[in-house]
Amino acid sequence: MTRDEMTRFCAAQPHASHVVQWGNADVYKIGGKVFAIVGMGETDNTVTFKTSHLAFEVLSDSPGLRPAPYMASRGLKWIQQFEEPGLSDDSLRDHIRASYDMVAAGLSKKLRVQLGFA
């Protein structure tokens, strides 16, 4: 997926907000919490997303993927796709959507109600 395709996909998630942070990174949030970062890395096509514990273990050793440099060093389960081959476009979309769902599920009950999730 290109950077433009990734940013369009992230922006299309319900209630997603977008800010540019950390240089030229497109940061996507739900309820003020990050679910995806596009472009923070060696290339414009770098994407970073939250994973489950199991997905983190599996993806950490996959070609083109690595534990996200800053986040994983703090014990957080975030993966960064930084080079080819990485994930297929469909699999990458699935992981970004799962990241969005995990972050949304962790929001306060009040905020979840305001956003229409509860």
N, C-alpha and C. Protein backbone atom coordinates (compact mmCIF):
# COMPACT_ATOMS: atom_id res chain seq x y z
N MET A 1 0.85 -1.18 0.00
CA MET A 1 0.00 0.00 0.00
C MET A 1 0.89 1.24 0.00
N THR A 2 0.48 2.24 -0.72
CA THR A 2 1.23 3.49 -0.71
C THR A 2 0.86 4.30 0.53
N ARG A 3 1.63 5.33 0.80
CA ARG A 3 1.32 6.20 1.93
C ARG A 3 -0.07 6.81 1.76
N ASP A 4 -0.39 7.27 0.56
CA ASP A 4 -1.71 7.86 0.33
C ASP A 4 -2.83 6.86 0.60
N GLU A 5 -2.64 5.61 0.17
CA GLU A 5 -3.66 4.59 0.42
C GLU A 5 -3.80 4.31 1.91
N MET A 6 -2.67 4.26 2.62
CA MET A 6 -2.73 4.02 4.07
C MET A 6 -3.42 5.17 4.78
N THR A 7 -3.09 6.41 4.40
CA THR A 7 -3.71 7.56 5.08
C THR A 7 -5.21 7.63 4.79
N ARG A 8 -5.60 7.31 3.57
CA ARG A 8 -7.04 7.29 3.25
C ARG A 8 -7.76 6.22 4.08
N PHE A 9 -7.15 5.04 4.20
CA PHE A 9 -7.77 3.97 4.96
C PHE A 9 -7.90 4.36 6.44
N CYS A 10 -6.84 4.88 7.02
CA CYS A 10 -6.89 5.29 8.43
C CYS A 10 -7.91 6.39 8.66
N ALA A 11 -7.94 7.38 7.77
CA ALA A 11 -8.87 8.50 7.91
C ALA A 11 -10.33 8.06 7.77
N ALA A 12 -10.56 6.94 7.08
CA ALA A 12 -11.92 6.46 6.86
C ALA A 12 -12.51 5.73 8.06
N GLN A 13 -11.71 5.46 9.08
CA GLN A 13 -12.23 4.77 10.26
C GLN A 13 -13.16 5.73 11.02
N PRO A 14 -14.28 5.20 11.55
CA PRO A 14 -15.24 6.08 12.23
C PRO A 14 -14.60 6.89 13.36
N HIS A 15 -14.87 8.17 13.37
CA HIS A 15 -14.40 9.10 14.40
C HIS A 15 -12.89 9.25 14.47
N ALA A 16 -12.19 8.85 13.41
CA ALA A 16 -10.73 8.99 13.40
C ALA A 16 -10.37 10.47 13.26
N SER A 17 -9.34 10.87 13.98
CA SER A 17 -8.79 12.21 13.82
C SER A 17 -7.35 12.08 13.33
N HIS A 18 -6.86 13.14 12.74
CA HIS A 18 -5.54 13.13 12.13
C HIS A 18 -4.75 14.34 12.58
N VAL A 19 -3.49 14.11 12.93
CA VAL A 19 -2.55 15.20 13.19
C VAL A 19 -1.21 14.83 12.57
N VAL A 20 -0.43 15.83 12.26
CA VAL A 20 0.94 15.60 11.80
C VAL A 20 1.84 15.85 13.00
N GLN A 21 2.61 14.84 13.38
CA GLN A 21 3.50 14.93 14.54
C GLN A 21 4.84 14.31 14.19
N TRP A 22 5.79 14.52 15.06
CA TRP A 22 7.10 13.86 14.95
C TRP A 22 7.69 14.02 13.55
N GLY A 23 7.77 15.24 13.13
CA GLY A 23 8.29 15.50 11.79
C GLY A 23 7.16 15.46 10.79
N ASN A 24 7.18 14.49 9.92
CA ASN A 24 6.19 14.40 8.86
C ASN A 24 5.30 13.17 9.00
N ALA A 25 5.11 12.68 10.22
CA ALA A 25 4.30 11.48 10.41
C ALA A 25 2.82 11.84 10.48
N ASP A 26 2.00 11.08 9.76
CA ASP A 26 0.55 11.19 9.86
C ASP A 26 0.10 10.29 11.00
N VAL A 27 -0.45 10.90 12.05
CA VAL A 27 -0.85 10.16 13.24
C VAL A 27 -2.38 10.12 13.30
N TYR A 28 -2.91 8.92 13.40
CA TYR A 28 -4.36 8.73 13.42
C TYR A 28 -4.78 8.27 14.81
N LYS A 29 -5.85 8.92 15.31
CA LYS A 29 -6.30 8.69 16.67
C LYS A 29 -7.80 8.46 16.70
N ILE A 30 -8.22 7.76 17.74
CA ILE A 30 -9.64 7.62 18.07
C ILE A 30 -9.77 8.04 19.53
N GLY A 31 -10.62 9.00 19.81
CA GLY A 31 -10.79 9.47 21.18
C GLY A 31 -9.51 10.02 21.77
N GLY A 32 -8.63 10.57 20.94
CA GLY A 32 -7.37 11.14 21.41
C GLY A 32 -6.25 10.13 21.60
N LYS A 33 -6.50 8.86 21.31
CA LYS A 33 -5.51 7.80 21.47
C LYS A 33 -5.04 7.30 20.11
N VAL A 34 -3.75 7.12 19.94
CA VAL A 34 -3.16 6.72 18.66
C VAL A 34 -3.52 5.28 18.32
N PHE A 35 -3.92 5.07 17.05
CA PHE A 35 -4.11 3.70 16.56
C PHE A 35 -3.22 3.39 15.36
N ALA A 36 -2.68 4.40 14.67
CA ALA A 36 -1.78 4.15 13.55
C ALA A 36 -0.91 5.38 13.29
N ILE A 37 0.32 5.12 12.88
CA ILE A 37 1.25 6.18 12.52
C ILE A 37 1.80 5.83 11.15
N VAL A 38 1.64 6.74 10.20
CA VAL A 38 2.09 6.50 8.83
C VAL A 38 3.23 7.47 8.52
N GLY A 39 4.35 6.90 8.05
CA GLY A 39 5.46 7.73 7.60
C GLY A 39 6.52 8.04 8.62
N MET A 40 6.45 7.47 9.82
CA MET A 40 7.49 7.70 10.81
C MET A 40 8.50 6.57 10.73
N GLY A 41 9.53 6.76 9.94
CA GLY A 41 10.52 5.73 9.75
C GLY A 41 11.42 6.07 8.59
N GLU A 42 12.05 5.05 8.07
CA GLU A 42 13.01 5.25 6.99
C GLU A 42 12.35 5.65 5.67
N THR A 43 11.09 5.24 5.45
CA THR A 43 10.43 5.53 4.19
C THR A 43 9.05 6.12 4.44
N ASP A 44 8.47 6.71 3.41
CA ASP A 44 7.11 7.24 3.51
C ASP A 44 6.09 6.13 3.72
N ASN A 45 6.41 4.91 3.31
CA ASN A 45 5.46 3.81 3.41
C ASN A 45 5.53 3.08 4.75
N THR A 46 6.31 3.58 5.68
CA THR A 46 6.37 2.97 7.01
C THR A 46 5.04 3.18 7.72
N VAL A 47 4.54 2.13 8.35
CA VAL A 47 3.32 2.25 9.14
C VAL A 47 3.50 1.49 10.45
N THR A 48 2.99 2.08 11.52
CA THR A 48 3.12 1.52 12.86
C THR A 48 1.72 1.34 13.43
N PHE A 49 1.46 0.19 14.06
CA PHE A 49 0.12 -0.10 14.58
C PHE A 49 0.21 -0.97 15.81
N LYS A 50 -0.82 -0.88 16.65
CA LYS A 50 -0.93 -1.67 17.87
C LYS A 50 -1.36 -3.09 17.52
N THR A 51 -0.87 -4.07 18.30
CA THR A 51 -1.25 -5.46 18.06
C THR A 51 -1.61 -6.15 19.37
N SER A 52 -2.23 -7.29 19.24
CA SER A 52 -2.44 -8.16 20.39
C SER A 52 -1.08 -8.77 20.76
N HIS A 53 -1.01 -9.39 21.91
CA HIS A 53 0.23 -10.03 22.34
C HIS A 53 0.64 -11.12 21.35
N LEU A 54 -0.33 -11.94 20.94
CA LEU A 54 -0.03 -13.04 20.01
C LEU A 54 0.44 -12.51 18.66
N ALA A 55 -0.28 -11.52 18.12
CA ALA A 55 0.12 -10.95 16.83
C ALA A 55 1.50 -10.32 16.92
N PHE A 56 1.81 -9.69 18.04
CA PHE A 56 3.13 -9.09 18.23
C PHE A 56 4.22 -10.15 18.13
N GLU A 57 4.00 -11.29 18.79
CA GLU A 57 4.98 -12.38 18.77
C GLU A 57 5.18 -12.93 17.35
N VAL A 58 4.09 -13.10 16.63
CA VAL A 58 4.16 -13.65 15.28
C VAL A 58 4.79 -12.65 14.32
N LEU A 59 4.33 -11.40 14.35
CA LEU A 59 4.78 -10.40 13.38
C LEU A 59 6.19 -9.89 13.63
N SER A 60 6.66 -9.95 14.86
CA SER A 60 7.99 -9.42 15.20
C SER A 60 9.10 -10.04 14.37
N ASP A 61 8.93 -11.28 13.97
CA ASP A 61 9.97 -11.98 13.22
C ASP A 61 9.68 -12.08 11.73
N SER A 62 8.67 -11.37 11.26
CA SER A 62 8.30 -11.44 9.84
C SER A 62 9.14 -10.47 9.02
N PRO A 63 9.52 -10.87 7.80
CA PRO A 63 10.33 -9.99 6.95
C PRO A 63 9.62 -8.67 6.66
N GLY A 64 10.34 -7.57 6.87
CA GLY A 64 9.80 -6.24 6.63
C GLY A 64 9.07 -5.64 7.81
N LEU A 65 8.95 -6.41 8.89
CA LEU A 65 8.26 -5.95 10.11
C LEU A 65 9.23 -6.01 11.28
N ARG A 66 8.96 -5.18 12.27
CA ARG A 66 9.77 -5.19 13.50
C ARG A 66 8.95 -4.57 14.63
N PRO A 67 9.35 -4.87 15.87
CA PRO A 67 8.72 -4.14 16.97
C PRO A 67 8.98 -2.64 16.77
N ALA A 68 7.95 -1.83 16.94
CA ALA A 68 8.09 -0.39 16.73
C ALA A 68 9.18 0.16 17.64
N PRO A 69 10.19 0.83 17.06
CA PRO A 69 11.38 1.22 17.82
C PRO A 69 11.12 1.91 19.16
N TYR A 70 10.31 2.92 19.22
CA TYR A 70 10.11 3.62 20.49
C TYR A 70 9.11 2.91 21.37
N MET A 71 7.99 2.51 20.80
CA MET A 71 6.91 1.96 21.60
C MET A 71 7.23 0.58 22.18
N ALA A 72 7.77 -0.29 21.36
CA ALA A 72 8.07 -1.64 21.84
C ALA A 72 9.16 -1.62 22.91
N SER A 73 10.06 -0.65 22.83
CA SER A 73 11.11 -0.58 23.85
C SER A 73 10.55 -0.20 25.22
N ARG A 74 9.33 0.27 25.25
CA ARG A 74 8.66 0.60 26.51
C ARG A 74 7.64 -0.46 26.91
N GLY A 75 7.72 -1.62 26.26
CA GLY A 75 6.85 -2.73 26.62
C GLY A 75 5.51 -2.73 25.92
N LEU A 76 5.29 -1.77 25.02
CA LEU A 76 4.02 -1.71 24.30
C LEU A 76 4.07 -2.65 23.10
N LYS A 77 2.95 -3.22 22.75
CA LYS A 77 2.86 -4.18 21.64
C LYS A 77 2.49 -3.46 20.35
N TRP A 78 3.46 -2.82 19.76
CA TRP A 78 3.28 -2.09 18.50
C TRP A 78 4.28 -2.63 17.49
N ILE A 79 3.81 -2.81 16.26
CA ILE A 79 4.64 -3.31 15.16
C ILE A 79 4.80 -2.22 14.12
N GLN A 80 5.97 -2.19 13.50
CA GLN A 80 6.23 -1.25 12.42
C GLN A 80 6.56 -2.03 11.15
N GLN A 81 5.81 -1.75 10.09
CA GLN A 81 6.16 -2.28 8.76
C GLN A 81 7.07 -1.22 8.14
N PHE A 82 8.32 -1.61 7.87
CA PHE A 82 9.30 -0.61 7.45
C PHE A 82 9.93 -0.90 6.10
N GLU A 83 9.73 -2.11 5.56
CA GLU A 83 10.28 -2.42 4.25
C GLU A 83 9.55 -3.61 3.65
N GLU A 84 9.86 -3.87 2.38
CA GLU A 84 9.28 -5.03 1.69
C GLU A 84 9.88 -6.30 2.28
N PRO A 85 9.21 -7.43 2.31
CA PRO A 85 7.89 -7.60 1.73
C PRO A 85 6.77 -7.13 2.65
N GLY A 86 6.95 -7.19 3.96
CA GLY A 86 5.89 -6.75 4.86
C GLY A 86 4.61 -7.56 4.68
N LEU A 87 3.51 -6.94 5.02
CA LEU A 87 2.21 -7.59 4.93
C LEU A 87 1.55 -7.31 3.59
N SER A 88 0.66 -8.19 3.19
CA SER A 88 -0.16 -7.90 2.01
C SER A 88 -1.05 -6.70 2.34
N ASP A 89 -1.56 -6.05 1.32
CA ASP A 89 -2.43 -4.90 1.56
C ASP A 89 -3.64 -5.28 2.41
N ASP A 90 -4.26 -6.42 2.12
CA ASP A 90 -5.44 -6.85 2.89
C ASP A 90 -5.07 -7.13 4.34
N SER A 91 -3.96 -7.81 4.56
CA SER A 91 -3.53 -8.11 5.92
C SER A 91 -3.17 -6.83 6.68
N LEU A 92 -2.51 -5.90 6.00
CA LEU A 92 -2.17 -4.62 6.64
C LEU A 92 -3.44 -3.88 7.05
N ARG A 93 -4.43 -3.85 6.17
CA ARG A 93 -5.70 -3.20 6.52
C ARG A 93 -6.34 -3.89 7.71
N ASP A 94 -6.30 -5.23 7.74
CA ASP A 94 -6.86 -5.98 8.88
C ASP A 94 -6.16 -5.61 10.18
N HIS A 95 -4.85 -5.49 10.14
CA HIS A 95 -4.10 -5.16 11.36
C HIS A 95 -4.33 -3.72 11.81
N ILE A 96 -4.45 -2.80 10.86
CA ILE A 96 -4.75 -1.41 11.23
C ILE A 96 -6.15 -1.33 11.83
N ARG A 97 -7.10 -2.04 11.25
CA ARG A 97 -8.47 -2.04 11.78
C ARG A 97 -8.49 -2.68 13.18
N ALA A 98 -7.73 -3.76 13.38
CA ALA A 98 -7.65 -4.39 14.70
C ALA A 98 -7.03 -3.43 15.71
N SER A 99 -6.03 -2.67 15.30
CA SER A 99 -5.43 -1.66 16.16
C SER A 99 -6.48 -0.63 16.56
N TYR A 100 -7.22 -0.15 15.59
CA TYR A 100 -8.29 0.82 15.84
C TYR A 100 -9.28 0.24 16.86
N ASP A 101 -9.71 -1.01 16.64
CA ASP A 101 -10.68 -1.65 17.54
C ASP A 101 -10.13 -1.80 18.96
N MET A 102 -8.86 -2.18 19.10
CA MET A 102 -8.25 -2.32 20.42
C MET A 102 -8.19 -0.98 21.14
N VAL A 103 -7.79 0.05 20.43
CA VAL A 103 -7.69 1.38 21.03
C VAL A 103 -9.08 1.88 21.41
N ALA A 104 -10.04 1.72 20.52
CA ALA A 104 -11.42 2.15 20.82
C ALA A 104 -11.97 1.41 22.04
N ALA A 105 -11.68 0.13 22.15
CA ALA A 105 -12.17 -0.66 23.29
C ALA A 105 -11.56 -0.19 24.61
N GLY A 106 -10.38 0.41 24.55
CA GLY A 106 -9.72 0.89 25.76
C GLY A 106 -10.11 2.29 26.20
N LEU A 107 -10.98 2.94 25.42
CA LEU A 107 -11.44 4.28 25.80
C LEU A 107 -12.37 4.20 27.01
N SER A 108 -12.52 5.29 27.70
CA SER A 108 -13.43 5.32 28.85
C SER A 108 -14.86 5.02 28.39
N LYS A 109 -15.65 4.51 29.31
CA LYS A 109 -17.03 4.18 28.97
C LYS A 109 -17.77 5.44 28.50
N LYS A 110 -17.53 6.54 29.17
CA LYS A 110 -18.19 7.80 28.81
C LYS A 110 -17.84 8.20 27.37
N LEU A 111 -16.57 8.11 27.02
CA LEU A 111 -16.16 8.48 25.67
C LEU A 111 -16.69 7.49 24.64
N ARG A 112 -16.70 6.20 25.00
CA ARG A 112 -17.25 5.20 24.09
C ARG A 112 -18.73 5.48 23.81
N VAL A 113 -19.48 5.88 24.82
CA VAL A 113 -20.89 6.22 24.64
C VAL A 113 -21.02 7.45 23.74
N GLN A 114 -20.19 8.47 23.99
CA GLN A 114 -20.23 9.69 23.18
C GLN A 114 -19.95 9.38 21.70
N LEU A 115 -19.05 8.44 21.45
CA LEU A 115 -18.68 8.09 20.08
C LEU A 115 -19.62 7.06 19.46
N GLY A 116 -20.56 6.55 20.26
CA GLY A 116 -21.53 5.59 19.73
C GLY A 116 -21.08 4.15 19.73
N PHE A 117 -20.08 3.81 20.54
CA PHE A 117 -19.58 2.45 20.59
C PHE A 117 -20.25 1.60 21.65
N ALA A 118 -20.92 2.21 22.60
CA ALA A 118 -21.50 1.42 23.69
C ALA A 118 -23.00 1.57 23.74
